[in-house]
């Protein structure tokens, strides 16, 4: 089997944690979009578009966290220090944003 596709892990704690975070975030965004009425003081779609952009950025960051913790990067980080450094760099970039 190919080395890239053979070392994906189904870490239940990571998957469950990301699922809970995504569900709570979605509930919060839905509540915020209900409060962002089109007749408000800003442009009609301004607040909603900003919320959508922020939600997409958050979900992209969550996908990078999953990539760093469930993909072969997590597997190979146990053996190679440079892969561990790559994993740390991925997580640090997401945490910075």
C-alpha atoms as a PDB file:
ATOM      1  CA  UNK A   1       0.000   0.000   0.000  1.00  0.00           C
ATOM      2  CA  UNK A   2       1.168   3.549  -0.627  1.00  0.00           C
ATOM      3  CA  UNK A   3       2.898   5.213   2.324  1.00  0.00           C
ATOM      4  CA  UNK A   4       0.708   8.302   2.051  1.00  0.00           C
ATOM      5  CA  UNK A   5      -2.664   6.572   2.263  1.00  0.00           C
ATOM      6  CA  UNK A   6      -1.725   3.746   4.611  1.00  0.00           C
ATOM      7  CA  UNK A   7      -1.068   5.714   7.796  1.00  0.00           C
ATOM      8  CA  UNK A   8      -4.265   7.637   8.430  1.00  0.00           C
ATOM      9  CA  UNK A   9      -5.480   7.187  11.987  1.00  0.00           C
ATOM     10  CA  UNK A  10      -9.035   7.234  13.214  1.00  0.00           C
ATOM     11  CA  UNK A  11      -8.228   8.851  16.536  1.00  0.00           C
ATOM     12  CA  UNK A  12     -11.639   8.936  18.176  1.00  0.00           C
ATOM     13  CA  UNK A  13     -10.724  11.665  20.673  1.00  0.00           C
ATOM     14  CA  UNK A  14      -9.522  14.043  17.952  1.00  0.00           C
ATOM     15  CA  UNK A  15     -12.468  13.321  15.665  1.00  0.00           C
ATOM     16  CA  UNK A  16     -15.004  13.698  18.490  1.00  0.00           C
ATOM     17  CA  UNK A  17     -13.377  16.898  19.723  1.00  0.00           C
ATOM     18  CA  UNK A  18     -13.398  18.451  16.255  1.00  0.00           C
ATOM     19  CA  UNK A  19     -16.994  17.356  15.720  1.00  0.00           C
ATOM     20  CA  UNK A  20     -18.110  18.957  18.996  1.00  0.00           C
ATOM     21  CA  UNK A  21     -16.205  22.162  18.209  1.00  0.00           C
ATOM     22  CA  UNK A  22     -17.707  22.336  14.718  1.00  0.00           C
ATOM     23  CA  UNK A  23     -21.249  21.742  16.055  1.00  0.00           C
ATOM     24  CA  UNK A  24     -20.940  24.429  18.734  1.00  0.00           C
ATOM     25  CA  UNK A  25     -19.456  26.846  16.206  1.00  0.00           C
ATOM     26  CA  UNK A  26     -22.249  26.171  13.719  1.00  0.00           C
ATOM     27  CA  UNK A  27     -24.885  26.765  16.397  1.00  0.00           C
ATOM     28  CA  UNK A  28     -23.231  30.048  17.332  1.00  0.00           C
ATOM     29  CA  UNK A  29     -22.954  31.222  13.739  1.00  0.00           C
ATOM     30  CA  UNK A  30     -26.592  30.364  13.085  1.00  0.00           C
ATOM     31  CA  UNK A  31     -27.603  32.391  16.128  1.00  0.00           C
ATOM     32  CA  UNK A  32     -25.474  35.319  15.021  1.00  0.00           C
ATOM     33  CA  UNK A  33     -26.874  35.296  11.478  1.00  0.00           C
ATOM     34  CA  UNK A  34     -30.395  35.345  12.887  1.00  0.00           C
ATOM     35  CA  UNK A  35     -29.425  38.487  14.831  1.00  0.00           C
ATOM     36  CA  UNK A  36     -27.810  40.155  11.788  1.00  0.00           C
ATOM     37  CA  UNK A  37     -30.953  41.524  10.225  1.00  0.00           C
ATOM     38  CA  UNK A  38     -30.783  42.922   6.692  1.00  0.00           C
ATOM     39  CA  UNK A  39     -32.501  46.152   7.799  1.00  0.00           C
ATOM     40  CA  UNK A  40     -29.767  46.934  10.316  1.00  0.00           C
ATOM     41  CA  UNK A  41     -27.483  49.971  10.269  1.00  0.00           C
ATOM     42  CA  UNK A  42     -24.858  48.346   8.029  1.00  0.00           C
ATOM     43  CA  UNK A  43     -25.197  47.302   4.402  1.00  0.00           C
ATOM     44  CA  UNK A  44     -27.927  44.686   3.829  1.00  0.00           C
ATOM     45  CA  UNK A  45     -25.623  41.699   3.392  1.00  0.00           C
ATOM     46  CA  UNK A  46     -22.519  43.102   5.106  1.00  0.00           C
ATOM     47  CA  UNK A  47     -22.807  41.403   8.512  1.00  0.00           C
ATOM     48  CA  UNK A  48     -23.896  38.076   7.047  1.00  0.00           C
ATOM     49  CA  UNK A  49     -21.041  37.971   4.543  1.00  0.00           C
ATOM     50  CA  UNK A  50     -18.548  38.768   7.284  1.00  0.00           C
ATOM     51  CA  UNK A  51     -19.948  35.939   9.405  1.00  0.00           C
ATOM     52  CA  UNK A  52     -19.757  33.524   6.485  1.00  0.00           C
ATOM     53  CA  UNK A  53     -16.130  34.503   5.799  1.00  0.00           C
ATOM     54  CA  UNK A  54     -15.225  34.010   9.452  1.00  0.00           C
ATOM     55  CA  UNK A  55     -17.042  30.656   9.570  1.00  0.00           C
ATOM     56  CA  UNK A  56     -15.217  29.439   6.456  1.00  0.00           C
ATOM     57  CA  UNK A  57     -11.871  30.534   7.926  1.00  0.00           C
ATOM     58  CA  UNK A  58     -12.655  28.763  11.208  1.00  0.00           C
ATOM     59  CA  UNK A  59     -13.649  25.556   9.432  1.00  0.00           C
ATOM     60  CA  UNK A  60     -10.506  25.694   7.290  1.00  0.00           C
ATOM     61  CA  UNK A  61      -8.438  25.996  10.463  1.00  0.00           C
ATOM     62  CA  UNK A  62     -10.264  23.038  11.955  1.00  0.00           C
ATOM     63  CA  UNK A  63      -9.496  21.048   8.807  1.00  0.00           C
ATOM     64  CA  UNK A  64      -5.795  21.880   9.183  1.00  0.00           C
ATOM     65  CA  UNK A  65      -5.920  20.672  12.795  1.00  0.00           C
ATOM     66  CA  UNK A  66      -7.459  17.408  11.590  1.00  0.00           C
ATOM     67  CA  UNK A  67      -4.792  17.160   8.898  1.00  0.00           C
ATOM     68  CA  UNK A  68      -2.043  17.605  11.465  1.00  0.00           C
ATOM     69  CA  UNK A  69      -3.475  15.132  13.991  1.00  0.00           C
ATOM     70  CA  UNK A  70      -5.127  12.374  11.920  1.00  0.00           C
ATOM     71  CA  UNK A  71      -3.142  12.247   8.670  1.00  0.00           C
ATOM     72  CA  UNK A  72       0.181  10.498   8.052  1.00  0.00           C
ATOM     73  CA  UNK A  73       1.842  13.645   9.425  1.00  0.00           C
ATOM     74  CA  UNK A  74       0.835  12.482  12.905  1.00  0.00           C
ATOM     75  CA  UNK A  75       2.084   8.961  12.216  1.00  0.00           C
ATOM     76  CA  UNK A  76       5.474   9.990  10.847  1.00  0.00           C
ATOM     77  CA  UNK A  77       5.977  12.657  13.518  1.00  0.00           C
ATOM     78  CA  UNK A  78       6.766   9.862  15.963  1.00  0.00           C
ATOM     79  CA  UNK A  79       9.813   8.794  13.940  1.00  0.00           C
ATOM     80  CA  UNK A  80      11.115  11.922  12.224  1.00  0.00           C
ATOM     81  CA  UNK A  81      11.837  15.200  13.959  1.00  0.00           C
ATOM     82  CA  UNK A  82      11.381  17.236  10.788  1.00  0.00           C
ATOM     83  CA  UNK A  83       7.843  15.881  10.368  1.00  0.00           C
ATOM     84  CA  UNK A  84       7.154  16.786  14.007  1.00  0.00           C
ATOM     85  CA  UNK A  85       8.407  20.289  13.241  1.00  0.00           C
ATOM     86  CA  UNK A  86       6.061  20.459  10.250  1.00  0.00           C
ATOM     87  CA  UNK A  87       3.184  19.345  12.447  1.00  0.00           C
ATOM     88  CA  UNK A  88       4.037  21.991  15.051  1.00  0.00           C
ATOM     89  CA  UNK A  89       4.276  24.620  12.329  1.00  0.00           C
ATOM     90  CA  UNK A  90       0.835  23.693  10.958  1.00  0.00           C
ATOM     91  CA  UNK A  91      -0.729  23.947  14.396  1.00  0.00           C
ATOM     92  CA  UNK A  92       1.073  27.199  15.200  1.00  0.00           C
ATOM     93  CA  UNK A  93      -0.107  28.873  11.996  1.00  0.00           C
ATOM     94  CA  UNK A  94      -3.697  27.901  12.749  1.00  0.00           C
ATOM     95  CA  UNK A  95      -3.399  29.061  16.362  1.00  0.00           C
ATOM     96  CA  UNK A  96      -1.968  32.395  15.235  1.00  0.00           C
ATOM     97  CA  UNK A  97      -4.900  33.173  12.978  1.00  0.00           C
END
